Amino acid sequence: LDAPWIDRTGELGIRNGGWAWGIAAADFDLDGDLDVAQTNGYHAKVSADADDYEVGTYPIYEHSNEDENRVWLSVGPRTRMTEVADLVGFNQPTSGRALVPVD
């Protein structure tokens, strides 16, 4: 079964966005072209397997990967997008899970 789409993330410059959870496409700069915003990162507490330790001594450790959020603006169809999260103040390193554009 062939997919009805073509992967253009490399061509558009948006392939390496970090540890993505939430992504949204909308016309954020109101120029008529779709832009992309992405929230990143994760934070997890991990408990070791009880079989590896004596009862009551399970170590818990924390791990995180707090990539900065991203925003890419389009300057036209099928052209490389420009990453502008720093310019618009959306570049915070977070542990986001969803992104919902609202008008």
N, C-alpha and C. Protein backbone atom coordinates (compact mmCIF):
# COMPACT_ATOMS: atom_id res chain seq x y z
N LEU A 1 0.85 -1.18 0.00
CA LEU A 1 0.00 0.00 0.00
C LEU A 1 0.89 1.23 0.00
N ASP A 2 0.79 2.06 -1.01
CA ASP A 2 1.60 3.28 -1.09
C ASP A 2 0.99 4.39 -0.25
N ALA A 3 1.87 5.11 0.45
CA ALA A 3 1.40 6.25 1.23
C ALA A 3 0.99 7.38 0.29
N PRO A 4 -0.06 8.10 0.62
CA PRO A 4 -0.52 9.18 -0.27
C PRO A 4 0.24 10.49 -0.03
N TRP A 5 1.38 10.45 0.59
CA TRP A 5 2.15 11.66 0.87
C TRP A 5 3.62 11.44 0.58
N ILE A 6 4.37 12.51 0.49
CA ILE A 6 5.81 12.45 0.26
C ILE A 6 6.50 13.14 1.43
N ASP A 7 7.53 12.49 1.99
CA ASP A 7 8.28 13.06 3.10
C ASP A 7 9.18 14.17 2.57
N ARG A 8 8.88 15.42 2.89
CA ARG A 8 9.67 16.56 2.45
C ARG A 8 10.35 17.27 3.62
N THR A 9 10.42 16.60 4.78
CA THR A 9 10.99 17.25 5.97
C THR A 9 12.44 17.66 5.77
N GLY A 10 13.23 16.85 5.08
CA GLY A 10 14.62 17.22 4.82
C GLY A 10 14.73 18.41 3.89
N GLU A 11 13.95 18.38 2.83
CA GLU A 11 13.93 19.46 1.85
C GLU A 11 13.48 20.79 2.49
N LEU A 12 12.54 20.72 3.42
CA LEU A 12 12.01 21.91 4.07
C LEU A 12 12.85 22.39 5.26
N GLY A 13 13.80 21.55 5.70
CA GLY A 13 14.66 21.94 6.82
C GLY A 13 14.03 21.75 8.19
N ILE A 14 13.06 20.85 8.29
CA ILE A 14 12.39 20.64 9.57
C ILE A 14 12.52 19.20 10.08
N ARG A 15 13.41 18.41 9.52
CA ARG A 15 13.53 17.00 9.91
C ARG A 15 14.06 16.84 11.33
N ASN A 16 15.10 17.56 11.71
CA ASN A 16 15.71 17.38 13.01
C ASN A 16 15.14 18.40 13.99
N GLY A 17 14.02 18.06 14.61
CA GLY A 17 13.36 18.99 15.52
C GLY A 17 13.54 18.65 16.98
N GLY A 18 14.26 17.58 17.30
CA GLY A 18 14.42 17.20 18.70
C GLY A 18 13.44 16.09 19.07
N TRP A 19 13.20 15.96 20.36
CA TRP A 19 12.32 14.93 20.88
C TRP A 19 10.89 15.47 20.85
N ALA A 20 10.22 15.32 19.75
CA ALA A 20 8.92 15.96 19.53
C ALA A 20 7.77 15.20 20.18
N TRP A 21 6.87 15.95 20.78
CA TRP A 21 5.61 15.40 21.31
C TRP A 21 4.42 16.06 20.62
N GLY A 22 4.41 17.37 20.62
CA GLY A 22 3.28 18.07 20.01
C GLY A 22 3.75 18.89 18.83
N ILE A 23 2.99 18.82 17.74
CA ILE A 23 3.35 19.58 16.55
C ILE A 23 2.06 20.12 15.94
N ALA A 24 2.14 21.32 15.41
CA ALA A 24 0.97 21.95 14.80
C ALA A 24 1.39 22.72 13.57
N ALA A 25 0.57 22.67 12.55
CA ALA A 25 0.77 23.46 11.34
C ALA A 25 -0.35 24.47 11.25
N ALA A 26 0.02 25.73 11.12
CA ALA A 26 -0.96 26.82 11.01
C ALA A 26 -0.24 27.99 10.36
N ASP A 27 -0.99 28.98 9.97
CA ASP A 27 -0.41 30.19 9.38
C ASP A 27 -0.09 31.18 10.51
N PHE A 28 0.99 30.93 11.24
CA PHE A 28 1.33 31.72 12.43
C PHE A 28 1.68 33.17 12.10
N ASP A 29 2.28 33.42 10.94
CA ASP A 29 2.68 34.79 10.59
C ASP A 29 1.70 35.47 9.63
N LEU A 30 0.57 34.83 9.39
CA LEU A 30 -0.52 35.41 8.59
C LEU A 30 -0.11 35.84 7.18
N ASP A 31 0.76 35.03 6.54
CA ASP A 31 1.17 35.34 5.18
C ASP A 31 0.55 34.41 4.14
N GLY A 32 -0.34 33.52 4.58
CA GLY A 32 -1.01 32.61 3.65
C GLY A 32 -0.34 31.26 3.51
N ASP A 33 0.86 31.07 4.08
CA ASP A 33 1.58 29.79 4.01
C ASP A 33 1.51 29.08 5.35
N LEU A 34 1.50 27.74 5.31
CA LEU A 34 1.50 26.98 6.55
C LEU A 34 2.88 27.03 7.19
N ASP A 35 2.91 27.27 8.49
CA ASP A 35 4.12 27.26 9.30
C ASP A 35 4.00 26.08 10.27
N VAL A 36 5.08 25.75 10.97
CA VAL A 36 5.09 24.60 11.86
C VAL A 36 5.66 25.00 13.22
N ALA A 37 4.99 24.58 14.28
CA ALA A 37 5.49 24.77 15.65
C ALA A 37 5.54 23.39 16.31
N GLN A 38 6.51 23.22 17.21
CA GLN A 38 6.72 21.91 17.83
C GLN A 38 7.14 22.09 19.28
N THR A 39 6.55 21.32 20.17
CA THR A 39 6.97 21.29 21.57
C THR A 39 7.75 20.00 21.82
N ASN A 40 8.79 20.09 22.62
CA ASN A 40 9.76 19.01 22.76
C ASN A 40 10.00 18.59 24.19
N GLY A 41 10.85 17.58 24.33
CA GLY A 41 11.41 17.17 25.61
C GLY A 41 10.61 16.13 26.35
N TYR A 42 11.25 15.58 27.36
CA TYR A 42 10.58 14.65 28.26
C TYR A 42 11.31 14.65 29.59
N HIS A 43 10.61 14.25 30.61
CA HIS A 43 11.17 14.11 31.95
C HIS A 43 10.55 12.86 32.55
N ALA A 44 11.37 11.96 33.05
CA ALA A 44 10.83 10.70 33.56
C ALA A 44 11.56 10.27 34.83
N LYS A 45 10.79 9.73 35.77
CA LYS A 45 11.37 9.05 36.92
C LYS A 45 11.30 7.56 36.62
N VAL A 46 12.40 6.89 36.80
CA VAL A 46 12.46 5.47 36.46
C VAL A 46 12.83 4.69 37.70
N SER A 47 12.09 3.63 37.97
CA SER A 47 12.37 2.75 39.10
C SER A 47 12.98 1.47 38.56
N ALA A 48 14.02 1.00 39.22
CA ALA A 48 14.70 -0.21 38.77
C ALA A 48 13.82 -1.44 39.00
N ASP A 49 14.11 -2.51 38.32
CA ASP A 49 13.39 -3.77 38.44
C ASP A 49 13.61 -4.35 39.84
N ALA A 50 12.53 -4.75 40.50
CA ALA A 50 12.60 -5.29 41.86
C ALA A 50 13.45 -6.55 41.94
N ASP A 51 13.56 -7.31 40.86
CA ASP A 51 14.35 -8.55 40.88
C ASP A 51 15.84 -8.28 41.05
N ASP A 52 16.29 -7.08 40.75
CA ASP A 52 17.70 -6.76 40.81
C ASP A 52 18.16 -6.25 42.19
N TYR A 53 17.23 -5.97 43.11
CA TYR A 53 17.58 -5.34 44.37
C TYR A 53 16.84 -5.99 45.52
N GLU A 54 17.39 -5.81 46.72
CA GLU A 54 16.71 -6.31 47.91
C GLU A 54 15.42 -5.53 48.12
N VAL A 55 14.48 -6.14 48.82
CA VAL A 55 13.19 -5.51 49.08
C VAL A 55 13.39 -4.16 49.76
N GLY A 56 12.71 -3.16 49.25
CA GLY A 56 12.76 -1.83 49.85
C GLY A 56 13.95 -0.98 49.43
N THR A 57 14.78 -1.44 48.53
CA THR A 57 15.96 -0.67 48.13
C THR A 57 15.95 -0.31 46.65
N TYR A 58 14.78 -0.23 46.04
CA TYR A 58 14.70 0.06 44.61
C TYR A 58 15.18 1.48 44.34
N PRO A 59 16.25 1.64 43.60
CA PRO A 59 16.70 3.00 43.29
C PRO A 59 15.77 3.65 42.26
N ILE A 60 15.56 4.92 42.43
CA ILE A 60 14.79 5.70 41.47
C ILE A 60 15.72 6.77 40.93
N TYR A 61 15.79 6.90 39.64
CA TYR A 61 16.62 7.95 39.06
C TYR A 61 15.78 8.74 38.07
N GLU A 62 16.22 9.95 37.85
CA GLU A 62 15.51 10.82 36.93
C GLU A 62 16.32 11.02 35.66
N HIS A 63 15.63 11.12 34.56
CA HIS A 63 16.27 11.34 33.27
C HIS A 63 15.44 12.34 32.50
N SER A 64 16.10 13.25 31.83
CA SER A 64 15.34 14.21 31.03
C SER A 64 16.10 14.56 29.76
N ASN A 65 15.34 14.97 28.79
CA ASN A 65 15.87 15.48 27.54
C ASN A 65 15.00 16.68 27.20
N GLU A 66 15.44 17.83 27.63
CA GLU A 66 14.62 19.02 27.46
C GLU A 66 15.12 19.85 26.28
N ASP A 67 14.79 19.38 25.07
CA ASP A 67 15.10 20.11 23.86
C ASP A 67 14.29 21.40 23.83
N GLU A 68 14.83 22.39 23.16
CA GLU A 68 14.08 23.64 23.00
C GLU A 68 12.91 23.43 22.04
N ASN A 69 11.82 24.16 22.28
CA ASN A 69 10.70 24.16 21.35
C ASN A 69 11.15 24.79 20.03
N ARG A 70 10.41 24.52 18.98
CA ARG A 70 10.77 25.01 17.65
C ARG A 70 9.60 25.67 16.96
N VAL A 71 9.89 26.66 16.12
CA VAL A 71 8.92 27.27 15.21
C VAL A 71 9.62 27.48 13.88
N TRP A 72 9.01 26.97 12.81
CA TRP A 72 9.54 27.17 11.47
C TRP A 72 8.52 27.96 10.66
N LEU A 73 8.98 29.03 10.03
CA LEU A 73 8.12 29.82 9.17
C LEU A 73 8.41 29.50 7.71
N SER A 74 7.35 29.43 6.93
CA SER A 74 7.46 29.17 5.50
C SER A 74 7.46 30.49 4.75
N VAL A 75 8.24 30.54 3.68
CA VAL A 75 8.24 31.73 2.84
C VAL A 75 7.61 31.44 1.48
N GLY A 76 7.04 30.26 1.35
CA GLY A 76 6.39 29.87 0.11
C GLY A 76 6.31 28.37 0.01
N PRO A 77 5.46 27.87 -0.89
CA PRO A 77 5.32 26.43 -1.04
C PRO A 77 6.61 25.77 -1.50
N ARG A 78 6.93 24.65 -0.86
CA ARG A 78 8.10 23.82 -1.21
C ARG A 78 9.43 24.56 -1.11
N THR A 79 9.52 25.56 -0.25
CA THR A 79 10.79 26.25 0.00
C THR A 79 11.25 25.93 1.41
N ARG A 80 12.54 26.00 1.63
CA ARG A 80 13.11 25.71 2.93
C ARG A 80 12.52 26.66 3.98
N MET A 81 12.13 26.10 5.13
CA MET A 81 11.53 26.90 6.19
C MET A 81 12.61 27.48 7.08
N THR A 82 12.31 28.58 7.76
CA THR A 82 13.26 29.26 8.63
C THR A 82 12.86 29.04 10.09
N GLU A 83 13.81 28.56 10.91
CA GLU A 83 13.54 28.31 12.33
C GLU A 83 13.66 29.63 13.08
N VAL A 84 12.59 30.05 13.78
CA VAL A 84 12.54 31.36 14.41
C VAL A 84 12.13 31.33 15.88
N ALA A 85 12.22 30.19 16.54
CA ALA A 85 11.77 30.08 17.93
C ALA A 85 12.45 31.11 18.83
N ASP A 86 13.75 31.35 18.62
CA ASP A 86 14.47 32.36 19.42
C ASP A 86 13.85 33.74 19.23
N LEU A 87 13.55 34.08 17.99
CA LEU A 87 13.02 35.41 17.68
C LEU A 87 11.63 35.66 18.26
N VAL A 88 10.80 34.61 18.34
CA VAL A 88 9.43 34.79 18.81
C VAL A 88 9.23 34.39 20.26
N GLY A 89 10.32 34.00 20.95
CA GLY A 89 10.23 33.67 22.37
C GLY A 89 9.60 32.33 22.69
N PHE A 90 9.71 31.38 21.77
CA PHE A 90 9.11 30.05 21.97
C PHE A 90 10.19 28.99 22.16
N ASN A 91 11.42 29.38 22.42
CA ASN A 91 12.55 28.46 22.42
C ASN A 91 12.86 27.84 23.77
N GLN A 92 11.98 27.95 24.76
CA GLN A 92 12.27 27.43 26.07
C GLN A 92 12.50 25.92 26.04
N PRO A 93 13.50 25.44 26.80
CA PRO A 93 13.64 23.98 26.94
C PRO A 93 12.55 23.50 27.88
N THR A 94 11.69 22.65 27.40
CA THR A 94 10.54 22.22 28.19
C THR A 94 10.35 20.72 28.12
N SER A 95 9.34 20.29 28.77
CA SER A 95 8.90 18.91 28.67
C SER A 95 7.44 18.95 28.22
N GLY A 96 7.21 19.52 27.04
CA GLY A 96 5.85 19.68 26.52
C GLY A 96 5.28 18.39 25.99
N ARG A 97 3.96 18.31 25.96
CA ARG A 97 3.30 17.09 25.47
C ARG A 97 2.31 17.35 24.33
N ALA A 98 1.85 18.58 24.20
CA ALA A 98 0.87 18.85 23.16
C ALA A 98 0.99 20.30 22.73
N LEU A 99 0.48 20.58 21.55
CA LEU A 99 0.49 21.92 21.00
C LEU A 99 -0.80 22.13 20.23
N VAL A 100 -1.56 23.12 20.61
CA VAL A 100 -2.85 23.36 19.97
C VAL A 100 -2.93 24.83 19.58
N PRO A 101 -2.91 25.15 18.28
CA PRO A 101 -3.07 26.54 17.87
C PRO A 101 -4.54 26.97 18.00
N VAL A 102 -4.74 28.17 18.47
CA VAL A 102 -6.09 28.69 18.66
C VAL A 102 -6.16 30.08 18.02
N ASP A 103 -7.23 30.32 17.30
CA ASP A 103 -7.42 31.61 16.67
C ASP A 103 -8.52 32.35 17.39
